[in-house]
Amino acid sequence: MTDRPRYSFPIARRLLSFAGRARQNWLTRHRNNFNFAIHMVGIPLALLVAPILLFVLPWWWALAAFILGYLLQWIGHQVEGNDVGEFIPVKRMMGLPVTALAPRYALPVPPASPGVGTLPD
């Protein structure tokens, strides 16, 4: 029996690692059941149905599907209490406050111990 060389595929491993982190980040920001469900309709509507409609119906149907898909996602984020992901970088560049994670799902910050972070009198 001959030994076959083992391939490590470092790029594939990095891509899988990135995809796992991105999925976990997405699930963290979509904890509300209504928000999650409405995204399952809005994302395909905006990213899959709209381009297909460009070839089947007049262009404004595709535009309407894209806008409706994003509107559904925006409604979901309003219910959840956080910002739409695509708007976060824009808001940060403009210096506006950002709510990446709904406050009700944020981990509580433990109180500081006495004497930690204070200056002596």
PDB file of N, CA and C in Angstrom:
ATOM      1  N   MET A   1       0.846  -1.165   0.000  1.00  0.00           N
ATOM      2  CA  MET A   1       0.000   0.000   0.000  1.00  0.00           C
ATOM      3  C   MET A   1       0.899   1.238   0.000  1.00  0.00           C
ATOM      4  N   THR A   2       0.607   2.165  -0.874  1.00  0.00           N
ATOM      5  CA  THR A   2       1.415   3.388  -0.949  1.00  0.00           C
ATOM      6  C   THR A   2       0.748   4.493  -0.150  1.00  0.00           C
ATOM      7  N   ASP A   3       1.593   5.325   0.404  1.00  0.00           N
ATOM      8  CA  ASP A   3       1.066   6.478   1.138  1.00  0.00           C
ATOM      9  C   ASP A   3       0.724   7.578   0.154  1.00  0.00           C
ATOM     10  N   ARG A   4      -0.492   8.051   0.242  1.00  0.00           N
ATOM     11  CA  ARG A   4      -0.919   9.156  -0.615  1.00  0.00           C
ATOM     12  C   ARG A   4      -0.615  10.457   0.108  1.00  0.00           C
ATOM     13  N   PRO A   5      -0.210  11.450  -0.636  1.00  0.00           N
ATOM     14  CA  PRO A   5       0.050  12.733   0.027  1.00  0.00           C
ATOM     15  C   PRO A   5      -1.253  13.326   0.563  1.00  0.00           C
ATOM     16  N   ARG A   6      -1.158  13.905   1.733  1.00  0.00           N
ATOM     17  CA  ARG A   6      -2.328  14.560   2.327  1.00  0.00           C
ATOM     18  C   ARG A   6      -2.263  16.033   1.986  1.00  0.00           C
ATOM     19  N   TYR A   7      -3.353  16.541   1.518  1.00  0.00           N
ATOM     20  CA  TYR A   7      -3.435  17.951   1.173  1.00  0.00           C
ATOM     21  C   TYR A   7      -4.126  18.692   2.310  1.00  0.00           C
ATOM     22  N   SER A   8      -3.652  19.899   2.583  1.00  0.00           N
ATOM     23  CA  SER A   8      -4.192  20.618   3.738  1.00  0.00           C
ATOM     24  C   SER A   8      -5.268  21.633   3.356  1.00  0.00           C
ATOM     25  N   PHE A   9      -5.289  22.110   2.133  1.00  0.00           N
ATOM     26  CA  PHE A   9      -6.285  23.078   1.671  1.00  0.00           C
ATOM     27  C   PHE A   9      -6.443  24.259   2.634  1.00  0.00           C
ATOM     28  N   PRO A  10      -5.386  25.050   2.850  1.00  0.00           N
ATOM     29  CA  PRO A  10      -5.479  26.143   3.833  1.00  0.00           C
ATOM     30  C   PRO A  10      -6.511  27.206   3.457  1.00  0.00           C
ATOM     31  N   ILE A  11      -6.678  27.467   2.169  1.00  0.00           N
ATOM     32  CA  ILE A  11      -7.648  28.490   1.764  1.00  0.00           C
ATOM     33  C   ILE A  11      -9.066  28.012   2.075  1.00  0.00           C
ATOM     34  N   ALA A  12      -9.344  26.752   1.788  1.00  0.00           N
ATOM     35  CA  ALA A  12     -10.673  26.207   2.077  1.00  0.00           C
ATOM     36  C   ALA A  12     -10.951  26.241   3.574  1.00  0.00           C
ATOM     37  N   ARG A  13      -9.930  25.922   4.383  1.00  0.00           N
ATOM     38  CA  ARG A  13     -10.116  25.957   5.828  1.00  0.00           C
ATOM     39  C   ARG A  13     -10.407  27.372   6.312  1.00  0.00           C
ATOM     40  N   ARG A  14      -9.710  28.350   5.749  1.00  0.00           N
ATOM     41  CA  ARG A  14      -9.955  29.746   6.128  1.00  0.00           C
ATOM     42  C   ARG A  14     -11.352  30.192   5.706  1.00  0.00           C
ATOM     43  N   LEU A  15     -11.767  29.796   4.504  1.00  0.00           N
ATOM     44  CA  LEU A  15     -13.107  30.160   4.039  1.00  0.00           C
ATOM     45  C   LEU A  15     -14.195  29.539   4.913  1.00  0.00           C
ATOM     46  N   LEU A  16     -14.027  28.286   5.291  1.00  0.00           N
ATOM     47  CA  LEU A  16     -15.003  27.643   6.171  1.00  0.00           C
ATOM     48  C   LEU A  16     -15.028  28.301   7.541  1.00  0.00           C
ATOM     49  N   SER A  17     -13.867  28.676   8.035  1.00  0.00           N
ATOM     50  CA  SER A  17     -13.800  29.365   9.321  1.00  0.00           C
ATOM     51  C   SER A  17     -14.500  30.716   9.242  1.00  0.00           C
ATOM     52  N   PHE A  18     -14.244  31.460   8.155  1.00  0.00           N
ATOM     53  CA  PHE A  18     -14.901  32.757   7.962  1.00  0.00           C
ATOM     54  C   PHE A  18     -16.411  32.591   7.855  1.00  0.00           C
ATOM     55  N   ALA A  19     -16.854  31.586   7.097  1.00  0.00           N
ATOM     56  CA  ALA A  19     -18.291  31.354   6.933  1.00  0.00           C
ATOM     57  C   ALA A  19     -18.940  31.004   8.271  1.00  0.00           C
ATOM     58  N   GLY A  20     -18.262  30.229   9.087  1.00  0.00           N
ATOM     59  CA  GLY A  20     -18.796  29.882  10.403  1.00  0.00           C
ATOM     60  C   GLY A  20     -18.925  31.094  11.306  1.00  0.00           C
ATOM     61  N   ARG A  21     -17.908  31.968  11.294  1.00  0.00           N
ATOM     62  CA  ARG A  21     -17.971  33.193  12.105  1.00  0.00           C
ATOM     63  C   ARG A  21     -19.055  34.129  11.592  1.00  0.00           C
ATOM     64  N   ALA A  22     -19.182  34.260  10.267  1.00  0.00           N
ATOM     65  CA  ALA A  22     -20.201  35.140   9.687  1.00  0.00           C
ATOM     66  C   ALA A  22     -21.601  34.627  10.025  1.00  0.00           C
ATOM     67  N   ARG A  23     -21.797  33.332   9.955  1.00  0.00           N
ATOM     68  CA  ARG A  23     -23.101  32.745  10.298  1.00  0.00           C
ATOM     69  C   ARG A  23     -23.428  32.994  11.763  1.00  0.00           C
ATOM     70  N   GLN A  24     -22.448  32.789  12.642  1.00  0.00           N
ATOM     71  CA  GLN A  24     -22.681  33.008  14.070  1.00  0.00           C
ATOM     72  C   GLN A  24     -22.997  34.471  14.349  1.00  0.00           C
ATOM     73  N   ASN A  25     -22.293  35.384  13.686  1.00  0.00           N
ATOM     74  CA  ASN A  25     -22.558  36.817  13.837  1.00  0.00           C
ATOM     75  C   ASN A  25     -23.973  37.136  13.362  1.00  0.00           C
ATOM     76  N   TRP A  26     -24.375  36.570  12.227  1.00  0.00           N
ATOM     77  CA  TRP A  26     -25.713  36.822  11.688  1.00  0.00           C
ATOM     78  C   TRP A  26     -26.780  36.301  12.649  1.00  0.00           C
ATOM     79  N   LEU A  27     -26.590  35.091  13.163  1.00  0.00           N
ATOM     80  CA  LEU A  27     -27.571  34.526  14.090  1.00  0.00           C
ATOM     81  C   LEU A  27     -27.651  35.328  15.388  1.00  0.00           C
ATOM     82  N   THR A  28     -26.533  35.898  15.819  1.00  0.00           N
ATOM     83  CA  THR A  28     -26.520  36.724  17.029  1.00  0.00           C
ATOM     84  C   THR A  28     -27.359  37.974  16.844  1.00  0.00           C
ATOM     85  N   ARG A  29     -27.355  38.540  15.637  1.00  0.00           N
ATOM     86  CA  ARG A  29     -28.090  39.779  15.384  1.00  0.00           C
ATOM     87  C   ARG A  29     -29.529  39.545  14.910  1.00  0.00           C
ATOM     88  N   HIS A  30     -29.943  38.290  14.824  1.00  0.00           N
ATOM     89  CA  HIS A  30     -31.303  37.965  14.383  1.00  0.00           C
ATOM     90  C   HIS A  30     -31.914  36.941  15.340  1.00  0.00           C
ATOM     91  N   ARG A  31     -32.057  37.305  16.611  1.00  0.00           N
ATOM     92  CA  ARG A  31     -32.551  36.379  17.634  1.00  0.00           C
ATOM     93  C   ARG A  31     -34.068  36.369  17.745  1.00  0.00           C
ATOM     94  N   ASN A  32     -34.701  37.461  17.397  1.00  0.00           N
ATOM     95  CA  ASN A  32     -36.155  37.540  17.468  1.00  0.00           C
ATOM     96  C   ASN A  32     -36.749  36.645  16.382  1.00  0.00           C
ATOM     97  N   ASN A  33     -37.710  35.802  16.751  1.00  0.00           N
ATOM     98  CA  ASN A  33     -38.284  34.846  15.791  1.00  0.00           C
ATOM     99  C   ASN A  33     -38.941  35.536  14.599  1.00  0.00           C
ATOM    100  N   PHE A  34     -39.635  36.645  14.849  1.00  0.00           N
ATOM    101  CA  PHE A  34     -40.272  37.376  13.752  1.00  0.00           C
ATOM    102  C   PHE A  34     -39.216  37.928  12.797  1.00  0.00           C
ATOM    103  N   ASN A  35     -38.161  38.524  13.347  1.00  0.00           N
ATOM    104  CA  ASN A  35     -37.086  39.074  12.523  1.00  0.00           C
ATOM    105  C   ASN A  35     -36.435  37.970  11.688  1.00  0.00           C
ATOM    106  N   PHE A  36     -36.157  36.829  12.308  1.00  0.00           N
ATOM    107  CA  PHE A  36     -35.543  35.717  11.593  1.00  0.00           C
ATOM    108  C   PHE A  36     -36.450  35.244  10.457  1.00  0.00           C
ATOM    109  N   ALA A  37     -37.742  35.067  10.756  1.00  0.00           N
ATOM    110  CA  ALA A  37     -38.679  34.566   9.745  1.00  0.00           C
ATOM    111  C   ALA A  37     -38.844  35.544   8.592  1.00  0.00           C
ATOM    112  N   ILE A  38     -38.944  36.821   8.907  1.00  0.00           N
ATOM    113  CA  ILE A  38     -39.151  37.811   7.848  1.00  0.00           C
ATOM    114  C   ILE A  38     -37.891  37.943   6.978  1.00  0.00           C
ATOM    115  N   HIS A  39     -36.714  37.666   7.554  1.00  0.00           N
ATOM    116  CA  HIS A  39     -35.485  37.642   6.757  1.00  0.00           C
ATOM    117  C   HIS A  39     -35.482  36.452   5.796  1.00  0.00           C
ATOM    118  N   MET A  40     -36.095  35.344   6.210  1.00  0.00           N
ATOM    119  CA  MET A  40     -36.157  34.169   5.338  1.00  0.00           C
ATOM    120  C   MET A  40     -37.031  34.427   4.113  1.00  0.00           C
ATOM    121  N   VAL A  41     -37.862  35.450   4.164  1.00  0.00           N
ATOM    122  CA  VAL A  41     -38.653  35.871   3.003  1.00  0.00           C
ATOM    123  C   VAL A  41     -37.951  37.020   2.283  1.00  0.00           C
ATOM    124  N   GLY A  42     -37.476  38.013   3.040  1.00  0.00           N
ATOM    125  CA  GLY A  42     -36.917  39.228   2.455  1.00  0.00           C
ATOM    126  C   GLY A  42     -35.608  39.022   1.709  1.00  0.00           C
ATOM    127  N   ILE A  43     -34.714  38.195   2.247  1.00  0.00           N
ATOM    128  CA  ILE A  43     -33.414  37.991   1.591  1.00  0.00           C
ATOM    129  C   ILE A  43     -33.578  37.330   0.223  1.00  0.00           C
ATOM    130  N   PRO A  44     -34.292  36.196   0.114  1.00  0.00           N
ATOM    131  CA  PRO A  44     -34.465  35.618  -1.228  1.00  0.00           C
ATOM    132  C   PRO A  44     -35.215  36.536  -2.183  1.00  0.00           C
ATOM    133  N   LEU A  45     -36.183  37.284  -1.652  1.00  0.00           N
ATOM    134  CA  LEU A  45     -36.938  38.198  -2.504  1.00  0.00           C
ATOM    135  C   LEU A  45     -36.018  39.253  -3.104  1.00  0.00           C
ATOM    136  N   ALA A  46     -35.132  39.810  -2.294  1.00  0.00           N
ATOM    137  CA  ALA A  46     -34.242  40.873  -2.767  1.00  0.00           C
ATOM    138  C   ALA A  46     -33.086  40.334  -3.608  1.00  0.00           C
ATOM    139  N   LEU A  47     -32.527  39.197  -3.232  1.00  0.00           N
ATOM    140  CA  LEU A  47     -31.301  38.726  -3.884  1.00  0.00           C
ATOM    141  C   LEU A  47     -31.503  37.662  -4.958  1.00  0.00           C
ATOM    142  N   LEU A  48     -32.606  36.933  -4.922  1.00  0.00           N
ATOM    143  CA  LEU A  48     -32.829  35.890  -5.929  1.00  0.00           C
ATOM    144  C   LEU A  48     -33.982  36.211  -6.873  1.00  0.00           C
ATOM    145  N   VAL A  49     -35.114  36.584  -6.309  1.00  0.00           N
ATOM    146  CA  VAL A  49     -36.300  36.818  -7.132  1.00  0.00           C
ATOM    147  C   VAL A  49     -36.136  38.063  -7.992  1.00  0.00           C
ATOM    148  N   ALA A  50     -35.617  39.143  -7.410  1.00  0.00           N
ATOM    149  CA  ALA A  50     -35.484  40.395  -8.167  1.00  0.00           C
ATOM    150  C   ALA A  50     -34.641  40.221  -9.436  1.00  0.00           C
ATOM    151  N   PRO A  51     -33.451  39.600  -9.383  1.00  0.00           N
ATOM    152  CA  PRO A  51     -32.698  39.416 -10.636  1.00  0.00           C
ATOM    153  C   PRO A  51     -33.413  38.529 -11.653  1.00  0.00           C
ATOM    154  N   ILE A  52     -34.130  37.521 -11.181  1.00  0.00           N
ATOM    155  CA  ILE A  52     -34.864  36.651 -12.106  1.00  0.00           C
ATOM    156  C   ILE A  52     -35.974  37.429 -12.804  1.00  0.00           C
ATOM    157  N   LEU A  53     -36.650  38.292 -12.046  1.00  0.00           N
ATOM    158  CA  LEU A  53     -37.741  39.078 -12.626  1.00  0.00           C
ATOM    159  C   LEU A  53     -37.256  40.017 -13.727  1.00  0.00           C
ATOM    160  N   LEU A  54     -35.989  40.404 -13.686  1.00  0.00           N
ATOM    161  CA  LEU A  54     -35.445  41.271 -14.745  1.00  0.00           C
ATOM    162  C   LEU A  54     -35.593  40.638 -16.126  1.00  0.00           C
ATOM    163  N   PHE A  55     -35.534  39.311 -16.181  1.00  0.00           N
ATOM    164  CA  PHE A  55     -35.598  38.619 -17.464  1.00  0.00           C
ATOM    165  C   PHE A  55     -37.012  38.194 -17.851  1.00  0.00           C
ATOM    166  N   VAL A  56     -37.955  38.283 -16.916  1.00  0.00           N
ATOM    167  CA  VAL A  56     -39.295  37.760 -17.163  1.00  0.00           C
ATOM    168  C   VAL A  56     -40.337  38.860 -17.312  1.00  0.00           C
ATOM    169  N   LEU A  57     -40.242  39.876 -16.468  1.00  0.00           N
ATOM    170  CA  LEU A  57     -41.239  40.946 -16.431  1.00  0.00           C
ATOM    171  C   LEU A  57     -40.560  42.292 -16.669  1.00  0.00           C
ATOM    172  N   PRO A  58     -41.330  43.350 -16.802  1.00  0.00           N
ATOM    173  CA  PRO A  58     -40.723  44.679 -16.920  1.00  0.00           C
ATOM    174  C   PRO A  58     -39.814  44.977 -15.718  1.00  0.00           C
ATOM    175  N   TRP A  59     -38.801  45.826 -15.930  1.00  0.00           N
ATOM    176  CA  TRP A  59     -37.764  46.079 -14.935  1.00  0.00           C
ATOM    177  C   TRP A  59     -38.310  46.579 -13.600  1.00  0.00           C
ATOM    178  N   TRP A  60     -39.420  47.298 -13.620  1.00  0.00           N
ATOM    179  CA  TRP A  60     -39.913  47.869 -12.375  1.00  0.00           C
ATOM    180  C   TRP A  60     -40.450  46.807 -11.425  1.00  0.00           C
ATOM    181  N   TRP A  61     -40.825  45.621 -11.926  1.00  0.00           N
ATOM    182  CA  TRP A  61     -41.202  44.525 -11.036  1.00  0.00           C
ATOM    183  C   TRP A  61     -39.990  44.041 -10.242  1.00  0.00           C
ATOM    184  N   ALA A  62     -38.853  43.969 -10.904  1.00  0.00           N
ATOM    185  CA  ALA A  62     -37.623  43.563 -10.218  1.00  0.00           C
ATOM    186  C   ALA A  62     -37.241  44.588  -9.160  1.00  0.00           C
ATOM    187  N   LEU A  63     -37.358  45.861  -9.502  1.00  0.00           N
ATOM    188  CA  LEU A  63     -37.058  46.921  -8.534  1.00  0.00           C
ATOM    189  C   LEU A  63     -38.012  46.842  -7.345  1.00  0.00           C
ATOM    190  N   ALA A  64     -39.288  46.606  -7.606  1.00  0.00           N
ATOM    191  CA  ALA A  64     -40.274  46.494  -6.528  1.00  0.00           C
ATOM    192  C   ALA A  64     -39.964  45.296  -5.625  1.00  0.00           C
ATOM    193  N   ALA A  65     -39.562  44.172  -6.207  1.00  0.00           N
ATOM    194  CA  ALA A  65     -39.216  42.991  -5.408  1.00  0.00           C
ATOM    195  C   ALA A  65     -37.996  43.267  -4.539  1.00  0.00           C
ATOM    196  N   PHE A  66     -37.001  43.956  -5.101  1.00  0.00           N
ATOM    197  CA  PHE A  66     -35.796  44.292  -4.343  1.00  0.00           C
ATOM    198  C   PHE A  66     -36.137  45.210  -3.173  1.00  0.00           C
ATOM    199  N   ILE A  67     -36.919  46.250  -3.439  1.00  0.00           N
ATOM    200  CA  ILE A  67     -37.294  47.203  -2.388  1.00  0.00           C
ATOM    201  C   ILE A  67     -38.157  46.516  -1.329  1.00  0.00           C
ATOM    202  N   LEU A  68     -39.101  45.689  -1.745  1.00  0.00           N
ATOM    203  CA  LEU A  68     -39.947  44.979  -0.788  1.00  0.00           C
ATOM    204  C   LEU A  68     -39.116  44.039   0.089  1.00  0.00           C
ATOM    205  N   GLY A  69     -38.147  43.353  -0.514  1.00  0.00           N
ATOM    206  CA  GLY A  69     -37.280  42.465   0.260  1.00  0.00           C
ATOM    207  C   GLY A  69     -36.507  43.215   1.328  1.00  0.00           C
ATOM    208  N   TYR A  70     -35.948  44.368   0.960  1.00  0.00           N
ATOM    209  CA  TYR A  70     -35.219  45.166   1.950  1.00  0.00           C
ATOM    210  C   TYR A  70     -36.161  45.782   2.973  1.00  0.00           C
ATOM    211  N   LEU A  71     -37.355  46.180   2.554  1.00  0.00           N
ATOM    212  CA  LEU A  71     -38.330  46.741   3.489  1.00  0.00           C
ATOM    213  C   LEU A  71     -38.715  45.702   4.546  1.00  0.00           C
ATOM    214  N   LEU A  72     -38.927  44.465   4.130  1.00  0.00           N
ATOM    215  CA  LEU A  72     -39.244  43.408   5.087  1.00  0.00           C
ATOM    216  C   LEU A  72     -38.117  43.227   6.099  1.00  0.00           C
ATOM    217  N   GLN A  73     -36.867  43.250   5.626  1.00  0.00           N
ATOM    218  CA  GLN A  73     -35.739  43.104   6.537  1.00  0.00           C
ATOM    219  C   GLN A  73     -35.645  44.289   7.493  1.00  0.00           C
ATOM    220  N   TRP A  74     -35.912  45.490   6.997  1.00  0.00           N
ATOM    221  CA  TRP A  74     -35.877  46.683   7.843  1.00  0.00           C
ATOM    222  C   TRP A  74     -36.942  46.587   8.931  1.00  0.00           C
ATOM    223  N   ILE A  75     -38.145  46.121   8.565  1.00  0.00           N
ATOM    224  CA  ILE A  75     -39.213  45.947   9.555  1.00  0.00           C
ATOM    225  C   ILE A  75     -38.769  44.948  10.627  1.00  0.00           C
ATOM    226  N   GLY A  76     -38.148  43.864  10.204  1.00  0.00           N
ATOM    227  CA  GLY A  76     -37.657  42.875  11.168  1.00  0.00           C
ATOM    228  C   GLY A  76     -36.654  43.467  12.136  1.00  0.00           C
ATOM    229  N   HIS A  77     -35.759  44.306  11.630  1.00  0.00           N
ATOM    230  CA  HIS A  77     -34.763  44.930  12.512  1.00  0.00           C
ATOM    231  C   HIS A  77     -35.396  45.963  13.435  1.00  0.00           C
ATOM    232  N   GLN A  78     -36.456  46.619  13.001  1.00  0.00           N
ATOM    233  CA  GLN A  78     -37.162  47.547  13.888  1.00  0.00           C
ATOM    234  C   GLN A  78     -37.804  46.780  15.041  1.00  0.00           C
ATOM    235  N   VAL A  79     -38.373  45.612  14.749  1.00  0.00           N
ATOM    236  CA  VAL A  79     -38.970  44.782  15.798  1.00  0.00           C
ATOM    237  C   VAL A  79     -37.886  44.286  16.757  1.00  0.00           C
ATOM    238  N   GLU A  80     -36.749  43.862  16.202  1.00  0.00           N
ATOM    239  CA  GLU A  80     -35.653  43.351  17.038  1.00  0.00           C
ATOM    240  C   GLU A  80     -35.007  44.458  17.860  1.00  0.00           C
ATOM    241  N   GLY A  81     -34.908  45.652  17.289  1.00  0.00           N
ATOM    242  CA  GLY A  81     -34.323  46.776  18.012  1.00  0.00           C
ATOM    243  C   GLY A  81     -32.880  47.062  17.650  1.00  0.00           C
ATOM    244  N   ASN A  82     -32.419  46.584  16.487  1.00  0.00           N
ATOM    245  CA  ASN A  82     -31.051  46.884  16.060  1.00  0.00           C
ATOM    246  C   ASN A  82     -31.052  47.409  14.628  1.00  0.00           C
ATOM    247  N   ASP A  83     -29.881  47.870  14.190  1.00  0.00           N
ATOM    248  CA  ASP A  83     -29.755  48.463  12.859  1.00  0.00           C
ATOM    249  C   ASP A  83     -29.597  47.388  11.789  1.00  0.00           C
ATOM    250  N   VAL A  84     -30.025  47.720  10.581  1.00  0.00           N
ATOM    251  CA  VAL A  84     -29.815  46.848   9.422  1.00  0.00           C
ATOM    252  C   VAL A  84     -28.309  46.797   9.147  1.00  0.00           C
ATOM    253  N   GLY A  85     -27.790  45.608   8.905  1.00  0.00           N
ATOM    254  CA  GLY A  85     -26.346  45.415   8.765  1.00  0.00           C
ATOM    255  C   GLY A  85     -25.680  46.289   7.722  1.00  0.00           C
ATOM    256  N   GLU A  86     -26.340  46.508   6.581  1.00  0.00           N
ATOM    257  CA  GLU A  86     -25.731  47.311   5.523  1.00  0.00           C
ATOM    258  C   GLU A  86     -25.639  48.783   5.902  1.00  0.00           C
ATOM    259  N   PHE A  87     -26.462  49.230   6.847  1.00  0.00           N
ATOM    260  CA  PHE A  87     -26.442  50.642   7.247  1.00  0.00           C
ATOM    261  C   PHE A  87     -25.400  50.930   8.321  1.00  0.00           C
ATOM    262  N   ILE A  88     -24.925  49.910   9.032  1.00  0.00           N
ATOM    263  CA  ILE A  88     -24.000  50.127  10.149  1.00  0.00           C
ATOM    264  C   ILE A  88     -22.713  50.817   9.708  1.00  0.00           C
ATOM    265  N   PRO A  89     -22.014  50.355   8.649  1.00  0.00           N
ATOM    266  CA  PRO A  89     -20.783  51.057   8.252  1.00  0.00           C
ATOM    267  C   PRO A  89     -21.040  52.503   7.828  1.00  0.00           C
ATOM    268  N   VAL A  90     -22.167  52.738   7.161  1.00  0.00           N
ATOM    269  CA  VAL A  90     -22.496  54.098   6.719  1.00  0.00           C
ATOM    270  C   VAL A  90     -22.730  54.994   7.929  1.00  0.00           C
ATOM    271  N   LYS A  91     -23.480  54.492   8.905  1.00  0.00           N
ATOM    272  CA  LYS A  91     -23.744  55.283  10.107  1.00  0.00           C
ATOM    273  C   LYS A  91     -22.456  55.560  10.878  1.00  0.00           C
ATOM    274  N   ARG A  92     -21.555  54.582  10.930  1.00  0.00           N
ATOM    275  CA  ARG A  92     -20.278  54.794  11.629  1.00  0.00           C
ATOM    276  C   ARG A  92     -19.444  55.854  10.924  1.00  0.00           C
ATOM    277  N   MET A  93     -19.417  55.817   9.593  1.00  0.00           N
ATOM    278  CA  MET A  93     -18.650  56.825   8.845  1.00  0.00           C
ATOM    279  C   MET A  93     -19.213  58.220   9.067  1.00  0.00           C
ATOM    280  N   MET A  94     -20.527  58.317   9.263  1.00  0.00           N
ATOM    281  CA  MET A  94     -21.163  59.614   9.474  1.00  0.00           C
ATOM    282  C   MET A  94     -21.130  60.045  10.937  1.00  0.00           C
ATOM    283  N   GLY A  95     -20.596  59.189  11.808  1.00  0.00           N
ATOM    284  CA  GLY A  95     -20.516  59.521  13.219  1.00  0.00           C
ATOM    285  C   GLY A  95     -21.826  59.376  13.964  1.00  0.00           C
ATOM    286  N   LEU A  96     -22.766  58.644  13.397  1.00  0.00           N
ATOM    287  CA  LEU A  96     -24.069  58.442  14.033  1.00  0.00           C
ATOM    288  C   LEU A  96     -24.011  57.247  14.984  1.00  0.00           C
ATOM    289  N   PRO A  97     -24.868  57.221  15.994  1.00  0.00           N
ATOM    290  CA  PRO A  97     -24.874  56.071  16.907  1.00  0.00           C
ATOM    291  C   PRO A  97     -25.346  54.803  16.189  1.00  0.00           C
ATOM    292  N   VAL A  98     -24.752  53.691  16.567  1.00  0.00           N
ATOM    293  CA  VAL A  98     -25.036  52.404  15.926  1.00  0.00           C
ATOM    294  C   VAL A  98     -25.529  51.418  16.987  1.00  0.00           C
ATOM    295  N   THR A  99     -26.559  50.672  16.645  1.00  0.00           N
ATOM    296  CA  THR A  99     -27.046  49.589  17.502  1.00  0.00           C
ATOM    297  C   THR A  99     -26.878  48.291  16.723  1.00  0.00           C
ATOM    298  N   ALA A 100     -25.709  47.667  16.870  1.00  0.00           N
ATOM    299  CA  ALA A 100     -25.435  46.439  16.132  1.00  0.00           C
ATOM    300  C   ALA A 100     -26.157  45.247  16.748  1.00  0.00           C
ATOM    301  N   LEU A 101     -26.305  45.258  18.057  1.00  0.00           N
ATOM    302  CA  LEU A 101     -26.980  44.177  18.764  1.00  0.00           C
ATOM    303  C   LEU A 101     -28.069  44.793  19.624  1.00  0.00           C
ATOM    304  N   ALA A 102     -29.265  44.256  19.542  1.00  0.00           N
ATOM    305  CA  ALA A 102     -30.385  44.796  20.318  1.00  0.00           C
ATOM    306  C   ALA A 102     -30.023  44.813  21.801  1.00  0.00           C
ATOM    307  N   PRO A 103     -30.303  45.920  22.493  1.00  0.00           N
ATOM    308  CA  PRO A 103     -29.915  46.034  23.907  1.00  0.00           C
ATOM    309  C   PRO A 103     -30.443  44.900  24.785  1.00  0.00           C
ATOM    310  N   ARG A 104     -31.617  44.355  24.466  1.00  0.00           N
ATOM    311  CA  ARG A 104     -32.164  43.290  25.319  1.00  0.00           C
ATOM    312  C   ARG A 104     -31.371  41.995  25.212  1.00  0.00           C
ATOM    313  N   TYR A 105     -30.552  41.852  24.151  1.00  0.00           N
ATOM    314  CA  TYR A 105     -29.751  40.647  23.985  1.00  0.00           C
ATOM    315  C   TYR A 105     -28.288  40.853  24.357  1.00  0.00           C
ATOM    316  N   ALA A 106     -27.903  42.088  24.642  1.00  0.00           N
ATOM    317  CA  ALA A 106     -26.511  42.373  24.992  1.00  0.00           C
ATOM    318  C   ALA A 106     -26.201  41.778  26.366  1.00  0.00           C
ATOM    319  N   LEU A 107     -24.981  41.317  26.525  1.00  0.00           N
ATOM    320  CA  LEU A 107     -24.564  40.772  27.811  1.00  0.00           C
ATOM    321  C   LEU A 107     -24.413  41.907  28.811  1.00  0.00           C
ATOM    322  N   PRO A 108     -24.855  41.707  30.051  1.00  0.00           N
ATOM    323  CA  PRO A 108     -24.704  42.770  31.039  1.00  0.00           C
ATOM    324  C   PRO A 108     -23.232  42.994  31.369  1.00  0.00           C
ATOM    325  N   VAL A 109     -22.892  44.251  31.583  1.00  0.00           N
ATOM    326  CA  VAL A 109     -21.519  44.608  31.934  1.00  0.00           C
ATOM    327  C   VAL A 109     -21.398  44.511  33.447  1.00  0.00           C
ATOM    328  N   PRO A 110     -20.436  43.716  33.949  1.00  0.00           N
ATOM    329  CA  PRO A 110     -20.306  43.596  35.400  1.00  0.00           C
ATOM    330  C   PRO A 110     -19.838  44.920  36.002  1.00  0.00           C
ATOM    331  N   PRO A 111     -20.307  45.233  37.225  1.00  0.00           N
ATOM    332  CA  PRO A 111     -19.870  46.485  37.852  1.00  0.00           C
ATOM    333  C   PRO A 111     -18.386  46.430  38.174  1.00  0.00           C
ATOM    334  N   ALA A 112     -17.755  47.584  38.129  1.00  0.00           N
ATOM    335  CA  ALA A 112     -16.322  47.664  38.413  1.00  0.00           C
ATOM    336  C   ALA A 112     -16.083  47.421  39.897  1.00  0.00           C
ATOM    337  N   SER A 113     -14.985  46.765  40.197  1.00  0.00           N
ATOM    338  CA  SER A 113     -14.616  46.542  41.592  1.00  0.00           C
ATOM    339  C   SER A 113     -14.195  47.862  42.218  1.00  0.00           C
ATOM    340  N   PRO A 114     -14.417  48.036  43.517  1.00  0.00           N
ATOM    341  CA  PRO A 114     -13.988  49.282  44.162  1.00  0.00           C
ATOM    342  C   PRO A 114     -12.481  49.455  44.025  1.00  0.00           C
ATOM    343  N   GLY A 115     -12.089  50.626  43.658  1.00  0.00           N
ATOM    344  CA  GLY A 115     -10.671  50.934  43.526  1.00  0.00           C
ATOM    345  C   GLY A 115     -10.104  50.656  42.151  1.00  0.00           C
ATOM    346  N   VAL A 116     -10.845  49.959  41.306  1.00  0.00           N
ATOM    347  CA  VAL A 116     -10.358  49.664  39.961  1.00  0.00           C
ATOM    348  C   VAL A 116     -10.810  50.784  39.036  1.00  0.00           C
ATOM    349  N   GLY A 117      -9.890  51.391  38.369  1.00  0.00           N
ATOM    350  CA  GLY A 117     -10.209  52.445  37.417  1.00  0.00           C
ATOM    351  C   GLY A 117     -10.466  53.795  38.055  1.00  0.00           C
ATOM    352  N   THR A 118     -10.175  53.935  39.332  1.00  0.00           N
ATOM    353  CA  THR A 118     -10.353  55.231  39.992  1.00  0.00           C
ATOM    354  C   THR A 118      -8.994  55.799  40.353  1.00  0.00           C
ATOM    355  N   LEU A 119      -8.938  57.085  40.395  1.00  0.00           N
ATOM    356  CA  LEU A 119      -7.698  57.766  40.755  1.00  0.00           C
ATOM    357  C   LEU A 119      -7.709  58.085  42.247  1.00  0.00           C
ATOM    358  N   PRO A 120      -6.548  58.006  42.882  1.00  0.00           N
ATOM    359  CA  PRO A 120      -6.507  58.364  44.308  1.00  0.00           C
ATOM    360  C   PRO A 120      -6.766  59.850  44.487  1.00  0.00           C
ATOM    361  N   ASP A 121      -7.328  60.211  45.655  1.00  0.00           N
ATOM    362  CA  ASP A 121      -7.616  61.621  45.941  1.00  0.00           C
ATOM    363  C   ASP A 121      -6.373  62.407  46.234  1.00  0.00           C
TER     364      ASP A 121
END
